[in-house]
Structures are given as C-alpha cells and as structure tokens.
PDB file of N, CA and C in Angstrom:
ATOM      1  N   MET A   1       0.852  -1.173   0.000  1.00  0.00           N
ATOM      2  CA  MET A   1       0.000   0.000   0.000  1.00  0.00           C
ATOM      3  C   MET A   1       0.891   1.227   0.000  1.00  0.00           C
ATOM      4  N   LYS A   2       0.530   2.178  -0.812  1.00  0.00           N
ATOM      5  CA  LYS A   2       1.276   3.427  -0.871  1.00  0.00           C
ATOM      6  C   LYS A   2       1.112   4.194   0.425  1.00  0.00           C
ATOM      7  N   ASP A   3       1.967   5.164   0.636  1.00  0.00           N
ATOM      8  CA  ASP A   3       1.977   5.940   1.873  1.00  0.00           C
ATOM      9  C   ASP A   3       0.921   7.045   1.827  1.00  0.00           C
ATOM     10  N   PHE A   4      -0.069   6.943   2.700  1.00  0.00           N
ATOM     11  CA  PHE A   4      -1.121   7.949   2.811  1.00  0.00           C
ATOM     12  C   PHE A   4      -1.127   8.543   4.216  1.00  0.00           C
ATOM     13  N   THR A   5       0.055   8.610   4.851  1.00  0.00           N
ATOM     14  CA  THR A   5       0.125   9.075   6.237  1.00  0.00           C
ATOM     15  C   THR A   5      -0.292  10.527   6.398  1.00  0.00           C
ATOM     16  N   ASP A   6      -0.208  11.311   5.330  1.00  0.00           N
ATOM     17  CA  ASP A   6      -0.600  12.714   5.428  1.00  0.00           C
ATOM     18  C   ASP A   6      -2.081  12.946   5.147  1.00  0.00           C
ATOM     19  N   ALA A   7      -2.807  11.896   4.835  1.00  0.00           N
ATOM     20  CA  ALA A   7      -4.236  12.020   4.532  1.00  0.00           C
ATOM     21  C   ALA A   7      -5.060  11.964   5.818  1.00  0.00           C
ATOM     22  N   VAL A   8      -6.007  12.881   5.918  1.00  0.00           N
ATOM     23  CA  VAL A   8      -6.903  12.930   7.065  1.00  0.00           C
ATOM     24  C   VAL A   8      -8.331  12.980   6.524  1.00  0.00           C
ATOM     25  N   PHE A   9      -9.173  12.087   7.018  1.00  0.00           N
ATOM     26  CA  PHE A   9     -10.547  12.011   6.545  1.00  0.00           C
ATOM     27  C   PHE A   9     -11.515  12.046   7.723  1.00  0.00           C
ATOM     28  N   ALA A  10     -12.617  12.749   7.533  1.00  0.00           N
ATOM     29  CA  ALA A  10     -13.684  12.780   8.530  1.00  0.00           C
ATOM     30  C   ALA A  10     -14.367  11.416   8.548  1.00  0.00           C
ATOM     31  N   PRO A  11     -14.998  11.060   9.680  1.00  0.00           N
ATOM     32  CA  PRO A  11     -15.672   9.761   9.772  1.00  0.00           C
ATOM     33  C   PRO A  11     -16.692   9.516   8.652  1.00  0.00           C
ATOM     34  N   ASP A  12     -17.427  10.547   8.242  1.00  0.00           N
ATOM     35  CA  ASP A  12     -18.415  10.348   7.183  1.00  0.00           C
ATOM     36  C   ASP A  12     -17.750  10.044   5.841  1.00  0.00           C
ATOM     37  N   VAL A  13     -16.583  10.613   5.595  1.00  0.00           N
ATOM     38  CA  VAL A  13     -15.856  10.337   4.351  1.00  0.00           C
ATOM     39  C   VAL A  13     -15.289   8.918   4.388  1.00  0.00           C
ATOM     40  N   ILE A  14     -14.855   8.474   5.543  1.00  0.00           N
ATOM     41  CA  ILE A  14     -14.370   7.094   5.688  1.00  0.00           C
ATOM     42  C   ILE A  14     -15.499   6.110   5.379  1.00  0.00           C
ATOM     43  N   GLU A  15     -16.700   6.413   5.836  1.00  0.00           N
ATOM     44  CA  GLU A  15     -17.858   5.564   5.521  1.00  0.00           C
ATOM     45  C   GLU A  15     -18.113   5.524   4.021  1.00  0.00           C
ATOM     46  N   LEU A  16     -17.999   6.667   3.353  1.00  0.00           N
ATOM     47  CA  LEU A  16     -18.200   6.719   1.899  1.00  0.00           C
ATOM     48  C   LEU A  16     -17.125   5.912   1.181  1.00  0.00           C
ATOM     49  N   MET A  17     -15.890   6.046   1.620  1.00  0.00           N
ATOM     50  CA  MET A  17     -14.789   5.299   0.998  1.00  0.00           C
ATOM     51  C   MET A  17     -14.961   3.800   1.210  1.00  0.00           C
ATOM     52  N   THR A  18     -15.408   3.425   2.390  1.00  0.00           N
ATOM     53  CA  THR A  18     -15.646   2.004   2.677  1.00  0.00           C
ATOM     54  C   THR A  18     -16.737   1.456   1.766  1.00  0.00           C
ATOM     55  N   ALA A  19     -17.807   2.222   1.612  1.00  0.00           N
ATOM     56  CA  ALA A  19     -18.906   1.802   0.733  1.00  0.00           C
ATOM     57  C   ALA A  19     -18.421   1.676  -0.706  1.00  0.00           C
ATOM     58  N   ALA A  20     -17.593   2.616  -1.154  1.00  0.00           N
ATOM     59  CA  ALA A  20     -17.064   2.561  -2.521  1.00  0.00           C
ATOM     60  C   ALA A  20     -16.175   1.341  -2.720  1.00  0.00           C
ATOM     61  N   LEU A  21     -15.338   1.034  -1.724  1.00  0.00           N
ATOM     62  CA  LEU A  21     -14.467  -0.138  -1.835  1.00  0.00           C
ATOM     63  C   LEU A  21     -15.284  -1.424  -1.858  1.00  0.00           C
ATOM     64  N   GLU A  22     -16.233  -1.543  -0.962  1.00  0.00           N
ATOM     65  CA  GLU A  22     -17.065  -2.750  -0.919  1.00  0.00           C
ATOM     66  C   GLU A  22     -17.841  -2.923  -2.226  1.00  0.00           C
ATOM     67  N   ALA A  23     -18.389  -1.836  -2.759  1.00  0.00           N
ATOM     68  CA  ALA A  23     -19.143  -1.917  -4.013  1.00  0.00           C
ATOM     69  C   ALA A  23     -18.217  -2.284  -5.172  1.00  0.00           C
ATOM     70  N   SER A  24     -17.004  -1.740  -5.162  1.00  0.00           N
ATOM     71  CA  SER A  24     -16.040  -2.047  -6.222  1.00  0.00           C
ATOM     72  C   SER A  24     -15.644  -3.516  -6.199  1.00  0.00           C
ATOM     73  N   VAL A  25     -15.308  -4.008  -5.037  1.00  0.00           N
ATOM     74  CA  VAL A  25     -14.906  -5.412  -4.896  1.00  0.00           C
ATOM     75  C   VAL A  25     -16.051  -6.341  -5.301  1.00  0.00           C
ATOM     76  N   ALA A  26     -17.277  -5.961  -4.963  1.00  0.00           N
ATOM     77  CA  ALA A  26     -18.446  -6.799  -5.279  1.00  0.00           C
ATOM     78  C   ALA A  26     -18.656  -6.959  -6.781  1.00  0.00           C
ATOM     79  N   THR A  27     -18.139  -6.035  -7.586  1.00  0.00           N
ATOM     80  CA  THR A  27     -18.326  -6.135  -9.034  1.00  0.00           C
ATOM     81  C   THR A  27     -17.301  -7.039  -9.705  1.00  0.00           C
ATOM     82  N   LEU A  28     -16.232  -7.380  -8.990  1.00  0.00           N
ATOM     83  CA  LEU A  28     -15.158  -8.175  -9.587  1.00  0.00           C
ATOM     84  C   LEU A  28     -15.504  -9.660  -9.585  1.00  0.00           C
ATOM     85  N   PRO A  29     -15.061 -10.369 -10.630  1.00  0.00           N
ATOM     86  CA  PRO A  29     -15.279 -11.821 -10.642  1.00  0.00           C
ATOM     87  C   PRO A  29     -14.377 -12.503  -9.621  1.00  0.00           C
ATOM     88  N   GLU A  30     -14.865 -13.584  -9.062  1.00  0.00           N
ATOM     89  CA  GLU A  30     -14.078 -14.373  -8.108  1.00  0.00           C
ATOM     90  C   GLU A  30     -13.014 -15.146  -8.863  1.00  0.00           C
ATOM     91  N   PRO A  31     -11.891 -15.397  -8.291  1.00  0.00           N
ATOM     92  CA  PRO A  31     -11.430 -14.927  -6.997  1.00  0.00           C
ATOM     93  C   PRO A  31     -10.856 -13.510  -7.113  1.00  0.00           C
ATOM     94  N   VAL A  32     -11.097 -12.706  -6.100  1.00  0.00           N
ATOM     95  CA  VAL A  32     -10.564 -11.345  -6.042  1.00  0.00           C
ATOM     96  C   VAL A  32      -9.234 -11.404  -5.289  1.00  0.00           C
ATOM     97  N   SER A  33      -8.198 -10.888  -5.901  1.00  0.00           N
ATOM     98  CA  SER A  33      -6.880 -10.961  -5.270  1.00  0.00           C
ATOM     99  C   SER A  33      -6.662  -9.787  -4.316  1.00  0.00           C
ATOM    100  N   SER A  34      -5.750  -9.968  -3.410  1.00  0.00           N
ATOM    101  CA  SER A  34      -5.403  -8.887  -2.484  1.00  0.00           C
ATOM    102  C   SER A  34      -4.785  -7.712  -3.236  1.00  0.00           C
ATOM    103  N   THR A  35      -4.110  -7.991  -4.330  1.00  0.00           N
ATOM    104  CA  THR A  35      -3.539  -6.925  -5.155  1.00  0.00           C
ATOM    105  C   THR A  35      -4.644  -6.060  -5.751  1.00  0.00           C
ATOM    106  N   GLN A  36      -5.699  -6.689  -6.223  1.00  0.00           N
ATOM    107  CA  GLN A  36      -6.828  -5.939  -6.769  1.00  0.00           C
ATOM    108  C   GLN A  36      -7.461  -5.049  -5.695  1.00  0.00           C
ATOM    109  N   VAL A  37      -7.659  -5.601  -4.518  1.00  0.00           N
ATOM    110  CA  VAL A  37      -8.261  -4.836  -3.421  1.00  0.00           C
ATOM    111  C   VAL A  37      -7.351  -3.665  -3.043  1.00  0.00           C
ATOM    112  N   THR A  38      -6.047  -3.902  -2.994  1.00  0.00           N
ATOM    113  CA  THR A  38      -5.103  -2.840  -2.664  1.00  0.00           C
ATOM    114  C   THR A  38      -5.141  -1.730  -3.701  1.00  0.00           C
ATOM    115  N   LEU A  39      -5.157  -2.084  -4.983  1.00  0.00           N
ATOM    116  CA  LEU A  39      -5.214  -1.081  -6.041  1.00  0.00           C
ATOM    117  C   LEU A  39      -6.502  -0.266  -5.958  1.00  0.00           C
ATOM    118  N   LEU A  40      -7.615  -0.928  -5.693  1.00  0.00           N
ATOM    119  CA  LEU A  40      -8.889  -0.215  -5.535  1.00  0.00           C
ATOM    120  C   LEU A  40      -8.831   0.736  -4.346  1.00  0.00           C
ATOM    121  N   ALA A  41      -8.331   0.249  -3.230  1.00  0.00           N
ATOM    122  CA  ALA A  41      -8.258   1.062  -2.014  1.00  0.00           C
ATOM    123  C   ALA A  41      -7.360   2.284  -2.216  1.00  0.00           C
ATOM    124  N   GLU A  42      -6.210   2.077  -2.858  1.00  0.00           N
ATOM    125  CA  GLU A  42      -5.308   3.201  -3.110  1.00  0.00           C
ATOM    126  C   GLU A  42      -5.957   4.249  -3.996  1.00  0.00           C
ATOM    127  N   SER A  43      -6.674   3.798  -5.010  1.00  0.00           N
ATOM    128  CA  SER A  43      -7.364   4.730  -5.899  1.00  0.00           C
ATOM    129  C   SER A  43      -8.419   5.522  -5.142  1.00  0.00           C
ATOM    130  N   ILE A  44      -9.192   4.835  -4.329  1.00  0.00           N
ATOM    131  CA  ILE A  44     -10.251   5.501  -3.562  1.00  0.00           C
ATOM    132  C   ILE A  44      -9.648   6.505  -2.581  1.00  0.00           C
ATOM    133  N   LEU A  45      -8.582   6.129  -1.907  1.00  0.00           N
ATOM    134  CA  LEU A  45      -7.910   7.056  -0.989  1.00  0.00           C
ATOM    135  C   LEU A  45      -7.399   8.289  -1.729  1.00  0.00           C
ATOM    136  N   ARG A  46      -6.740   8.071  -2.837  1.00  0.00           N
ATOM    137  CA  ARG A  46      -6.169   9.167  -3.618  1.00  0.00           C
ATOM    138  C   ARG A  46      -7.273  10.098  -4.141  1.00  0.00           C
ATOM    139  N   THR A  47      -8.344   9.516  -4.645  1.00  0.00           N
ATOM    140  CA  THR A  47      -9.427  10.303  -5.221  1.00  0.00           C
ATOM    141  C   THR A  47     -10.187  11.066  -4.135  1.00  0.00           C
ATOM    142  N   ALA A  48     -10.416  10.427  -3.000  1.00  0.00           N
ATOM    143  CA  ALA A  48     -11.096  11.110  -1.893  1.00  0.00           C
ATOM    144  C   ALA A  48     -10.223  12.228  -1.336  1.00  0.00           C
ATOM    145  N   LYS A  49      -8.928  11.987  -1.271  1.00  0.00           N
ATOM    146  CA  LYS A  49      -8.008  13.020  -0.787  1.00  0.00           C
ATOM    147  C   LYS A  49      -8.033  14.238  -1.710  1.00  0.00           C
ATOM    148  N   ALA A  50      -8.285  14.004  -3.004  1.00  0.00           N
ATOM    149  CA  ALA A  50      -8.371  15.093  -3.979  1.00  0.00           C
ATOM    150  C   ALA A  50      -9.690  15.845  -3.885  1.00  0.00           C
ATOM    151  N   GLY A  51     -10.634  15.324  -3.070  1.00  0.00           N
ATOM    152  CA  GLY A  51     -11.880  16.057  -2.839  1.00  0.00           C
ATOM    153  C   GLY A  51     -13.145  15.391  -3.321  1.00  0.00           C
ATOM    154  N   GLU A  52     -13.030  14.261  -4.008  1.00  0.00           N
ATOM    155  CA  GLU A  52     -14.234  13.564  -4.488  1.00  0.00           C
ATOM    156  C   GLU A  52     -14.833  12.743  -3.353  1.00  0.00           C
ATOM    157  N   HIS A  53     -16.113  12.950  -3.076  1.00  0.00           N
ATOM    158  CA  HIS A  53     -16.762  12.223  -1.989  1.00  0.00           C
ATOM    159  C   HIS A  53     -18.048  11.522  -2.419  1.00  0.00           C
ATOM    160  N   ASP A  54     -18.274  11.411  -3.705  1.00  0.00           N
ATOM    161  CA  ASP A  54     -19.433  10.689  -4.216  1.00  0.00           C
ATOM    162  C   ASP A  54     -19.062   9.213  -4.358  1.00  0.00           C
ATOM    163  N   VAL A  55     -19.834   8.343  -3.707  1.00  0.00           N
ATOM    164  CA  VAL A  55     -19.521   6.907  -3.695  1.00  0.00           C
ATOM    165  C   VAL A  55     -19.441   6.342  -5.105  1.00  0.00           C
ATOM    166  N   ALA A  56     -20.408   6.685  -5.941  1.00  0.00           N
ATOM    167  CA  ALA A  56     -20.427   6.154  -7.309  1.00  0.00           C
ATOM    168  C   ALA A  56     -19.203   6.616  -8.089  1.00  0.00           C
ATOM    169  N   ALA A  57     -18.809   7.867  -7.918  1.00  0.00           N
ATOM    170  CA  ALA A  57     -17.626   8.379  -8.616  1.00  0.00           C
ATOM    171  C   ALA A  57     -16.363   7.704  -8.105  1.00  0.00           C
ATOM    172  N   LEU A  58     -16.240   7.538  -6.793  1.00  0.00           N
ATOM    173  CA  LEU A  58     -15.080   6.850  -6.222  1.00  0.00           C
ATOM    174  C   LEU A  58     -14.977   5.428  -6.767  1.00  0.00           C
ATOM    175  N   GLN A  59     -16.113   4.742  -6.821  1.00  0.00           N
ATOM    176  CA  GLN A  59     -16.138   3.370  -7.328  1.00  0.00           C
ATOM    177  C   GLN A  59     -15.770   3.332  -8.810  1.00  0.00           C
ATOM    178  N   ARG A  60     -16.373   4.197  -9.589  1.00  0.00           N
ATOM    179  CA  ARG A  60     -16.134   4.214 -11.030  1.00  0.00           C
ATOM    180  C   ARG A  60     -14.656   4.492 -11.348  1.00  0.00           C
ATOM    181  N   ILE A  61     -14.077   5.481 -10.676  1.00  0.00           N
ATOM    182  CA  ILE A  61     -12.670   5.822 -10.916  1.00  0.00           C
ATOM    183  C   ILE A  61     -11.759   4.667 -10.507  1.00  0.00           C
ATOM    184  N   ALA A  62     -12.036   4.063  -9.362  1.00  0.00           N
ATOM    185  CA  ALA A  62     -11.208   2.944  -8.892  1.00  0.00           C
ATOM    186  C   ALA A  62     -11.260   1.774  -9.869  1.00  0.00           C
ATOM    187  N   LEU A  63     -12.440   1.452 -10.368  1.00  0.00           N
ATOM    188  CA  LEU A  63     -12.563   0.335 -11.304  1.00  0.00           C
ATOM    189  C   LEU A  63     -11.902   0.654 -12.636  1.00  0.00           C
ATOM    190  N   MET A  64     -11.995   1.912 -13.075  1.00  0.00           N
ATOM    191  CA  MET A  64     -11.320   2.303 -14.317  1.00  0.00           C
ATOM    192  C   MET A  64      -9.807   2.209 -14.157  1.00  0.00           C
ATOM    193  N   GLU A  65      -9.292   2.670 -13.020  1.00  0.00           N
ATOM    194  CA  GLU A  65      -7.848   2.584 -12.784  1.00  0.00           C
ATOM    195  C   GLU A  65      -7.393   1.132 -12.695  1.00  0.00           C
ATOM    196  N   LEU A  66      -8.219   0.282 -12.129  1.00  0.00           N
ATOM    197  CA  LEU A  66      -7.865  -1.136 -12.044  1.00  0.00           C
ATOM    198  C   LEU A  66      -7.746  -1.747 -13.426  1.00  0.00           C
ATOM    199  N   GLN A  67      -8.617  -1.325 -14.334  1.00  0.00           N
ATOM    200  CA  GLN A  67      -8.586  -1.851 -15.716  1.00  0.00           C
ATOM    201  C   GLN A  67      -7.304  -1.475 -16.433  1.00  0.00           C
ATOM    202  N   ILE A  68      -6.772  -0.290 -16.144  1.00  0.00           N
ATOM    203  CA  ILE A  68      -5.582   0.165 -16.877  1.00  0.00           C
ATOM    204  C   ILE A  68      -4.276  -0.109 -16.107  1.00  0.00           C
ATOM    205  N   ALA A  69      -4.399  -0.647 -14.902  1.00  0.00           N
ATOM    206  CA  ALA A  69      -3.201  -0.951 -14.109  1.00  0.00           C
ATOM    207  C   ALA A  69      -2.400  -2.058 -14.797  1.00  0.00           C
ATOM    208  N   PRO A  70      -1.068  -1.936 -14.777  1.00  0.00           N
ATOM    209  CA  PRO A  70      -0.237  -2.998 -15.357  1.00  0.00           C
ATOM    210  C   PRO A  70      -0.462  -4.315 -14.621  1.00  0.00           C
ATOM    211  N   ARG A  71      -0.502  -5.368 -15.346  1.00  0.00           N
ATOM    212  CA  ARG A  71      -0.671  -6.706 -14.764  1.00  0.00           C
ATOM    213  C   ARG A  71       0.654  -7.170 -14.199  1.00  0.00           C
ATOM    214  N   VAL A  72       0.624  -7.631 -12.957  1.00  0.00           N
ATOM    215  CA  VAL A  72       1.855  -8.099 -12.316  1.00  0.00           C
ATOM    216  C   VAL A  72       1.865  -9.608 -12.280  1.00  0.00           C
TER     217      VAL A  72
END
C-alpha cells in the first residue's frame, strides 16, 4: 500500500470510501486478489483526498484505474 500518512478524513468520508471499496470489490469476478483490493483502495484514498466524496464516482474511478493498471 502506498503511503497515505498525510491524509486525514472525517468519519463520514471514511464511511463513503468504505462503501465505494465494498461496491467495487463486489463487481469483480471471483477470486478477487489482495492486489486488486489494494489497487482499488489506493485509488479511492487518492481520489477522496483530492476532494471527491461521491460513492459512485469513487467506485467508477477505482474500477477504471484497475482496468488500466499494469498486470503483475
């Protein structure tokens, strides 16, 4: 996981990010890897830190970034 130590989120934003992550993971075919979950979480953290707090937008951006992420 990338370093997000400087990020500070209000409890309501954490709830939104959690909902976005859960919704994103739910759309993936099984088995879902820990790498996929990490990439989604990093995207959601980065996007929320930039000011986006809409669950659907957080989910959509995270899934789009996952699609273009290099395969390891």
